[in-house]
């Protein structure tokens, strides 16, 4: 009787140990699964980030010669329909708020002043310089596409001294409508969840003014 009891206790003890080991293995598997899932989530690096796993980024275009990198950039300007007219829009991911200069706005919406909504108590700046704003105008933009067009409604901040010859659609509305820009081999952008329907850019290079120092003869 005693031998049988000791055998049962021994088997129970071994079973408990096996269960504990299995539980530990399952916990390890769960940890690895969590780490694997997290690796595909957007990450923001900090000074504590481990920098041992570093690889060279792939070049999608020919690397410019040294000192000529500023010439390789292209604009993110595309075509939209505004007020039944063809207009240009710049998808600017480097700024917070959407705007347009009054000079360009007048060419697309001649009666823009009648549609202007006053704005008060808010200061806007660009490149650390304060900008004079005239108000806000609510416009509808249509992105033309052979298969399906997209319509978005946008509130533009109208700027007094802005000289840009296009509407500027910035991160506020790019994020609202899920507009994603691809900078891989073929540059394009998508709107919303349909990633197969691609919209193109005009691909005109950014204009750069070169200032030459001319020496005056004595």
Protein backbone atom coordinates (compact mmCIF):
# COMPACT_ATOMS: atom_id res chain seq x y z
CA UNK A 1 0.00 0.00 0.00
CA UNK A 2 2.82 2.36 0.92
CA UNK A 3 4.74 1.51 -2.27
CA UNK A 4 1.66 2.26 -4.41
CA UNK A 5 1.15 5.61 -2.67
CA UNK A 6 4.81 6.58 -3.18
CA UNK A 7 4.55 5.62 -6.87
CA UNK A 8 1.44 7.78 -7.32
CA UNK A 9 3.11 10.73 -5.57
CA UNK A 10 6.19 10.30 -7.77
CA UNK A 11 4.07 10.24 -10.93
CA UNK A 12 2.14 13.29 -9.75
CA UNK A 13 5.38 15.16 -9.04
CA UNK A 14 6.78 14.30 -12.48
CA UNK A 15 3.51 15.37 -14.10
CA UNK A 16 3.61 18.70 -12.26
CA UNK A 17 7.19 19.28 -13.40
CA UNK A 18 6.25 18.50 -17.01
CA UNK A 19 3.29 20.91 -16.80
CA UNK A 20 5.56 23.63 -15.40
CA UNK A 21 8.11 23.08 -18.19
CA UNK A 22 5.36 23.13 -20.84
CA UNK A 23 3.96 26.33 -19.35
CA UNK A 24 7.41 27.94 -19.45
CA UNK A 25 7.88 26.87 -23.08
CA UNK A 26 4.45 28.29 -23.96
CA UNK A 27 5.35 31.56 -22.25
CA UNK A 28 8.58 31.73 -24.25
CA UNK A 29 6.65 31.07 -27.48
CA UNK A 30 4.19 33.82 -26.59
CA UNK A 31 7.03 36.27 -25.89
CA UNK A 32 8.64 35.47 -29.25
CA UNK A 33 5.29 35.87 -31.01
CA UNK A 34 4.74 39.26 -29.35
CA UNK A 35 8.24 40.40 -30.30
CA UNK A 36 7.70 39.19 -33.87
CA UNK A 37 4.38 41.05 -34.16
CA UNK A 38 5.81 44.22 -32.61
CA UNK A 39 8.67 44.23 -35.12
CA UNK A 40 6.13 44.95 -37.88
CA UNK A 41 4.55 47.86 -36.00
CA UNK A 42 5.76 51.45 -36.48
CA UNK A 43 8.69 52.09 -34.18
CA UNK A 44 10.14 55.36 -32.90
CA UNK A 45 13.80 55.07 -32.02
CA UNK A 46 15.40 56.53 -28.91
CA UNK A 47 18.92 56.92 -27.58
CA UNK A 48 18.45 53.52 -25.89
CA UNK A 49 17.75 51.71 -29.18
CA UNK A 50 20.12 48.83 -29.89
CA UNK A 51 22.15 49.83 -32.97
CA UNK A 52 23.86 46.49 -33.56
CA UNK A 53 21.35 45.34 -36.20
CA UNK A 54 22.06 47.91 -38.94
CA UNK A 55 21.86 47.34 -42.68
CA UNK A 56 22.43 49.63 -45.64
CA UNK A 57 19.25 51.07 -47.12
CA UNK A 58 18.55 50.06 -50.71
CA UNK A 59 19.00 52.69 -53.42
CA UNK A 60 15.94 53.01 -55.66
CA UNK A 61 17.63 55.54 -57.93
CA UNK A 62 21.14 56.42 -58.94
CA UNK A 63 22.91 58.16 -56.12
CA UNK A 64 23.80 61.74 -57.10
CA UNK A 65 27.41 62.86 -57.25
CA UNK A 66 28.88 64.32 -54.10
CA UNK A 67 27.63 67.83 -53.49
CA UNK A 68 24.79 67.46 -56.02
CA UNK A 69 22.14 65.82 -53.85
CA UNK A 70 20.01 68.97 -53.83
CA UNK A 71 19.45 68.57 -57.59
CA UNK A 72 17.91 65.10 -57.37
CA UNK A 73 14.69 66.05 -55.60
CA UNK A 74 11.33 66.06 -57.33
CA UNK A 75 8.13 67.82 -56.40
CA UNK A 76 4.95 66.14 -55.18
CA UNK A 77 2.63 68.20 -57.36
CA UNK A 78 -0.40 66.57 -58.97
CA UNK A 79 -3.52 67.65 -60.84
CA UNK A 80 -6.94 68.18 -59.24
CA UNK A 81 -10.20 69.74 -60.31
CA UNK A 82 -11.31 72.75 -58.26
CA UNK A 83 -14.31 74.93 -59.10
CA UNK A 84 -14.65 73.06 -62.44
CA UNK A 85 -11.10 74.03 -63.36
CA UNK A 86 -7.84 72.15 -63.56
CA UNK A 87 -5.56 73.10 -60.69
CA UNK A 88 -2.27 72.02 -59.18
CA UNK A 89 -1.85 70.67 -55.67
CA UNK A 90 1.34 69.97 -53.76
CA UNK A 91 1.18 67.03 -51.33
CA UNK A 92 3.50 68.44 -48.69
CA UNK A 93 4.23 65.95 -45.91
CA UNK A 94 6.64 68.29 -44.17
CA UNK A 95 4.10 70.73 -42.76
CA UNK A 96 1.10 70.73 -40.44
CA UNK A 97 -1.57 72.91 -42.00
CA UNK A 98 -3.11 73.20 -45.46
CA UNK A 99 -3.06 76.52 -47.28
CA UNK A 100 -3.03 78.51 -50.51
CA UNK A 101 -1.78 81.92 -51.54
CA UNK A 102 -4.37 84.52 -52.49
CA UNK A 103 -2.70 85.17 -55.85
CA UNK A 104 -3.07 81.57 -57.03
CA UNK A 105 -6.49 81.17 -55.41
CA UNK A 106 -7.79 84.12 -57.42
CA UNK A 107 -6.94 82.35 -60.70
CA UNK A 108 -9.06 79.33 -59.74
CA UNK A 109 -11.79 80.92 -57.61
CA UNK A 110 -12.27 84.54 -58.77
CA UNK A 111 -14.91 85.27 -56.09
CA UNK A 112 -12.80 83.80 -53.28
CA UNK A 113 -13.23 86.86 -51.05
CA UNK A 114 -16.99 86.31 -50.90
CA UNK A 115 -16.43 82.75 -49.62
CA UNK A 116 -13.80 83.65 -47.06
CA UNK A 117 -14.42 82.80 -43.40
CA UNK A 118 -12.52 84.98 -40.91
CA UNK A 119 -9.94 83.40 -38.65
CA UNK A 120 -8.91 84.96 -35.37
CA UNK A 121 -6.58 84.19 -32.50
CA UNK A 122 -4.37 81.80 -34.46
CA UNK A 123 -0.84 82.48 -35.66
CA UNK A 124 0.66 80.64 -38.63
CA UNK A 125 4.30 80.45 -39.61
CA UNK A 126 6.39 78.87 -42.34
CA UNK A 127 10.13 78.25 -42.08
CA UNK A 128 10.08 80.07 -38.72
CA UNK A 129 8.61 83.19 -40.35
CA UNK A 130 5.22 84.55 -39.34
CA UNK A 131 2.66 84.61 -42.15
CA UNK A 132 -0.24 86.99 -42.62
CA UNK A 133 -3.46 85.05 -43.07
CA UNK A 134 -6.68 86.40 -44.58
CA UNK A 135 -9.09 83.68 -43.51
CA UNK A 136 -10.27 80.20 -44.42
CA UNK A 137 -11.97 79.00 -47.58
CA UNK A 138 -13.81 75.68 -47.91
CA UNK A 139 -13.18 73.98 -51.26
CA UNK A 140 -13.85 70.63 -52.91
CA UNK A 141 -10.96 68.91 -54.66
CA UNK A 142 -11.47 66.08 -57.15
CA UNK A 143 -8.55 63.79 -57.97
CA UNK A 144 -9.20 62.57 -61.53
CA UNK A 145 -8.50 58.93 -62.39
CA UNK A 146 -9.62 56.79 -65.37
CA UNK A 147 -11.13 54.09 -63.16
CA UNK A 148 -12.55 56.14 -60.26
CA UNK A 149 -12.17 59.74 -59.13
CA UNK A 150 -11.92 60.80 -55.51
CA UNK A 151 -13.52 63.87 -53.97
CA UNK A 152 -12.25 65.48 -50.77
CA UNK A 153 -13.43 68.57 -48.92
CA UNK A 154 -10.70 70.82 -47.58
CA UNK A 155 -10.46 74.02 -45.55
CA UNK A 156 -7.56 76.07 -46.90
CA UNK A 157 -5.86 78.80 -44.91
CA UNK A 158 -5.56 81.73 -47.33
CA UNK A 159 -2.16 83.41 -47.09
CA UNK A 160 -1.53 86.97 -48.14
CA UNK A 161 2.07 86.82 -49.34
CA UNK A 162 2.45 83.19 -50.42
CA UNK A 163 3.85 83.03 -53.97
CA UNK A 164 3.31 79.30 -54.64
CA UNK A 165 1.49 78.51 -57.87
CA UNK A 166 -0.49 75.61 -56.39
CA UNK A 167 -2.66 74.54 -53.51
CA UNK A 168 -0.71 73.07 -50.59
CA UNK A 169 -2.23 69.95 -49.05
CA UNK A 170 -0.39 69.13 -45.87
CA UNK A 171 -0.32 66.53 -43.10
CA UNK A 172 -3.63 67.58 -41.57
CA UNK A 173 -5.67 66.46 -44.59
CA UNK A 174 -3.21 63.86 -45.86
CA UNK A 175 -3.81 61.95 -42.63
CA UNK A 176 -7.57 62.60 -42.55
CA UNK A 177 -8.07 61.03 -45.98
CA UNK A 178 -5.32 58.41 -45.72
CA UNK A 179 -3.25 59.78 -48.59
CA UNK A 180 0.02 57.82 -48.77
CA UNK A 181 3.00 58.80 -50.91
CA UNK A 182 5.36 56.17 -52.32
CA UNK A 183 8.95 57.21 -53.02
CA UNK A 184 10.10 53.90 -54.43
CA UNK A 185 11.10 53.31 -58.06
CA UNK A 186 7.80 54.67 -59.38
CA UNK A 187 6.61 57.72 -57.47
CA UNK A 188 2.87 57.81 -56.88
CA UNK A 189 0.26 58.28 -54.17
CA UNK A 190 -2.86 56.42 -53.08
CA UNK A 191 -6.04 57.57 -51.37
CA UNK A 192 -7.70 55.52 -48.66
CA UNK A 193 -7.64 51.73 -48.48
CA UNK A 194 -7.40 51.08 -52.22
CA UNK A 195 -3.64 50.74 -52.70
CA UNK A 196 -3.97 49.44 -56.27
CA UNK A 197 -5.40 52.67 -57.62
CA UNK A 198 -2.37 54.89 -58.04
CA UNK A 199 -2.24 58.61 -58.77
CA UNK A 200 0.79 60.15 -60.44
CA UNK A 201 2.86 63.29 -59.98
CA UNK A 202 3.89 65.81 -62.60
CA UNK A 203 7.49 64.83 -61.78
CA UNK A 204 8.84 68.26 -62.52
CA UNK A 205 12.06 68.87 -60.68
CA UNK A 206 12.16 71.39 -57.91
CA UNK A 207 13.22 74.77 -59.20
CA UNK A 208 16.47 75.98 -57.72
CA UNK A 209 17.74 79.51 -58.13
CA UNK A 210 21.50 79.71 -58.51
CA UNK A 211 22.98 83.01 -57.41
CA UNK A 212 26.18 83.92 -59.20
CA UNK A 213 28.63 86.36 -57.73
CA UNK A 214 29.69 88.71 -60.49
CA UNK A 215 32.84 90.68 -59.90
CA UNK A 216 32.57 94.23 -61.08
CA UNK A 217 35.52 95.59 -62.98
CA UNK A 218 37.21 98.52 -61.29
